[in-house]
């Protein structure tokens, strides 16, 4: 969803192609800047690494792995929200919905 928000905020207008024209395939995964999506991926990786590090150094705290979902998701959402707030896009990101 965040990748689609980043795409919609670029001002990119879709092009109507004739039916017999092959669709262009982009060479990279994103041909537009995707700062919020990148923040979501980095925050998710850091939360996974952090929780696994805690369970590695403190093996008696095994139950943390059972709570992984309750750690990963809030960390990713709060990381994106903090970046959106810092860049002034929080209201637009929060109110974003697709047609």
C-alpha atoms as a PDB file:
ATOM      1  CA  UNK A   1       0.000   0.000   0.000  1.00  0.00           C
ATOM      2  CA  UNK A   2       2.846   2.382   0.796  1.00  0.00           C
ATOM      3  CA  UNK A   3       4.470   1.713  -2.575  1.00  0.00           C
ATOM      4  CA  UNK A   4       1.212   2.617  -4.299  1.00  0.00           C
ATOM      5  CA  UNK A   5       0.966   5.789  -2.185  1.00  0.00           C
ATOM      6  CA  UNK A   6       4.501   6.745  -3.229  1.00  0.00           C
ATOM      7  CA  UNK A   7       3.561   6.124  -6.865  1.00  0.00           C
ATOM      8  CA  UNK A   8       0.372   8.172  -6.629  1.00  0.00           C
ATOM      9  CA  UNK A   9       2.192  11.104  -5.063  1.00  0.00           C
ATOM     10  CA  UNK A  10       4.629  11.400  -7.987  1.00  0.00           C
ATOM     11  CA  UNK A  11       2.011  12.914 -10.279  1.00  0.00           C
ATOM     12  CA  UNK A  12       2.512  10.155 -12.842  1.00  0.00           C
ATOM     13  CA  UNK A  13      -0.356  10.017 -15.307  1.00  0.00           C
ATOM     14  CA  UNK A  14      -1.181   6.669 -16.905  1.00  0.00           C
ATOM     15  CA  UNK A  15      -0.944   6.496 -20.684  1.00  0.00           C
ATOM     16  CA  UNK A  16      -3.708   4.904 -22.723  1.00  0.00           C
ATOM     17  CA  UNK A  17      -2.140   2.579 -25.268  1.00  0.00           C
ATOM     18  CA  UNK A  18      -3.848   1.050 -28.300  1.00  0.00           C
ATOM     19  CA  UNK A  19      -4.931  -2.544 -27.828  1.00  0.00           C
ATOM     20  CA  UNK A  20      -2.373  -4.021 -30.221  1.00  0.00           C
ATOM     21  CA  UNK A  21       0.597  -2.148 -28.644  1.00  0.00           C
ATOM     22  CA  UNK A  22       2.670  -4.206 -26.188  1.00  0.00           C
ATOM     23  CA  UNK A  23       2.813  -2.762 -22.699  1.00  0.00           C
ATOM     24  CA  UNK A  24       6.184  -1.312 -21.651  1.00  0.00           C
ATOM     25  CA  UNK A  25       7.927  -3.242 -18.902  1.00  0.00           C
ATOM     26  CA  UNK A  26      10.068  -1.136 -16.542  1.00  0.00           C
ATOM     27  CA  UNK A  27      13.728  -2.073 -16.196  1.00  0.00           C
ATOM     28  CA  UNK A  28      13.896  -1.436 -12.453  1.00  0.00           C
ATOM     29  CA  UNK A  29      11.498  -2.348  -9.697  1.00  0.00           C
ATOM     30  CA  UNK A  30      10.460   1.297  -9.321  1.00  0.00           C
ATOM     31  CA  UNK A  31      10.954   4.054 -11.839  1.00  0.00           C
ATOM     32  CA  UNK A  32       9.920   6.635  -9.252  1.00  0.00           C
ATOM     33  CA  UNK A  33      11.211   7.595  -5.824  1.00  0.00           C
ATOM     34  CA  UNK A  34       9.637   5.478  -3.092  1.00  0.00           C
ATOM     35  CA  UNK A  35      10.889   6.909   0.222  1.00  0.00           C
ATOM     36  CA  UNK A  36       8.047   5.656   2.424  1.00  0.00           C
ATOM     37  CA  UNK A  37       8.210   2.160   0.946  1.00  0.00           C
ATOM     38  CA  UNK A  38      11.971   2.077   1.501  1.00  0.00           C
ATOM     39  CA  UNK A  39      11.434   3.200   5.092  1.00  0.00           C
ATOM     40  CA  UNK A  40       8.905   0.401   5.610  1.00  0.00           C
ATOM     41  CA  UNK A  41      11.326  -2.237   4.311  1.00  0.00           C
ATOM     42  CA  UNK A  42      14.265  -0.934   6.370  1.00  0.00           C
ATOM     43  CA  UNK A  43      12.155  -0.651   9.531  1.00  0.00           C
ATOM     44  CA  UNK A  44      10.825  -4.167   9.053  1.00  0.00           C
ATOM     45  CA  UNK A  45      14.349  -5.538   8.560  1.00  0.00           C
ATOM     46  CA  UNK A  46      15.611  -3.717  11.654  1.00  0.00           C
ATOM     47  CA  UNK A  47      12.762  -5.011  13.806  1.00  0.00           C
ATOM     48  CA  UNK A  48      13.319  -8.597  12.607  1.00  0.00           C
ATOM     49  CA  UNK A  49      17.066  -8.301  13.206  1.00  0.00           C
ATOM     50  CA  UNK A  50      16.536  -6.690  16.606  1.00  0.00           C
ATOM     51  CA  UNK A  51      14.110  -9.325  17.875  1.00  0.00           C
ATOM     52  CA  UNK A  52      16.313 -12.152  16.606  1.00  0.00           C
ATOM     53  CA  UNK A  53      19.352 -10.544  18.235  1.00  0.00           C
ATOM     54  CA  UNK A  54      17.578 -10.350  21.560  1.00  0.00           C
ATOM     55  CA  UNK A  55      16.601 -14.016  21.367  1.00  0.00           C
ATOM     56  CA  UNK A  56      20.163 -14.918  20.313  1.00  0.00           C
ATOM     57  CA  UNK A  57      21.844 -13.147  23.235  1.00  0.00           C
ATOM     58  CA  UNK A  58      19.141 -14.034  25.746  1.00  0.00           C
ATOM     59  CA  UNK A  59      18.007 -17.578  24.887  1.00  0.00           C
ATOM     60  CA  UNK A  60      15.865 -17.807  28.023  1.00  0.00           C
ATOM     61  CA  UNK A  61      13.507 -15.241  26.456  1.00  0.00           C
ATOM     62  CA  UNK A  62      12.101 -17.670  23.896  1.00  0.00           C
ATOM     63  CA  UNK A  63       8.558 -16.279  24.096  1.00  0.00           C
ATOM     64  CA  UNK A  64       9.656 -13.183  22.141  1.00  0.00           C
ATOM     65  CA  UNK A  65       9.511 -15.233  18.957  1.00  0.00           C
ATOM     66  CA  UNK A  66       5.858 -15.960  19.699  1.00  0.00           C
ATOM     67  CA  UNK A  67       5.208 -12.218  19.917  1.00  0.00           C
ATOM     68  CA  UNK A  68       6.979 -11.419  16.644  1.00  0.00           C
ATOM     69  CA  UNK A  69       3.828 -10.270  14.851  1.00  0.00           C
ATOM     70  CA  UNK A  70       3.071  -7.876  17.691  1.00  0.00           C
ATOM     71  CA  UNK A  71       6.547  -6.361  17.310  1.00  0.00           C
ATOM     72  CA  UNK A  72       7.141  -6.313  13.542  1.00  0.00           C
ATOM     73  CA  UNK A  73       3.892  -4.743  12.395  1.00  0.00           C
ATOM     74  CA  UNK A  74       3.760  -1.830  14.882  1.00  0.00           C
ATOM     75  CA  UNK A  75       7.440  -1.066  14.266  1.00  0.00           C
ATOM     76  CA  UNK A  76       6.962  -0.953  10.488  1.00  0.00           C
ATOM     77  CA  UNK A  77       3.828   1.186  10.729  1.00  0.00           C
ATOM     78  CA  UNK A  78       5.348   3.575  13.269  1.00  0.00           C
ATOM     79  CA  UNK A  79       8.532   3.879  11.194  1.00  0.00           C
ATOM     80  CA  UNK A  80       6.585   4.834   8.081  1.00  0.00           C
ATOM     81  CA  UNK A  81       4.359   7.179  10.078  1.00  0.00           C
ATOM     82  CA  UNK A  82       7.401   8.903  11.595  1.00  0.00           C
ATOM     83  CA  UNK A  83       8.975   9.350   8.161  1.00  0.00           C
ATOM     84  CA  UNK A  84       5.685  10.617   6.705  1.00  0.00           C
ATOM     85  CA  UNK A  85       5.362  13.069   9.604  1.00  0.00           C
ATOM     86  CA  UNK A  86       8.930  14.296   9.172  1.00  0.00           C
ATOM     87  CA  UNK A  87       8.427  14.824   5.439  1.00  0.00           C
ATOM     88  CA  UNK A  88       5.000  16.471   5.870  1.00  0.00           C
ATOM     89  CA  UNK A  89       3.025  13.678   4.183  1.00  0.00           C
ATOM     90  CA  UNK A  90       1.401  12.119   7.253  1.00  0.00           C
ATOM     91  CA  UNK A  91      -2.124  13.391   6.609  1.00  0.00           C
ATOM     92  CA  UNK A  92      -2.016  12.382   2.936  1.00  0.00           C
ATOM     93  CA  UNK A  93      -0.566   8.976   3.786  1.00  0.00           C
ATOM     94  CA  UNK A  94      -3.122   8.322   6.509  1.00  0.00           C
ATOM     95  CA  UNK A  95      -6.074   9.389   4.319  1.00  0.00           C
ATOM     96  CA  UNK A  96      -4.842   7.522   1.223  1.00  0.00           C
ATOM     97  CA  UNK A  97      -7.336   5.097  -0.249  1.00  0.00           C
ATOM     98  CA  UNK A  98      -7.687   3.505  -3.620  1.00  0.00           C
ATOM     99  CA  UNK A  99     -10.714   3.816  -5.842  1.00  0.00           C
END
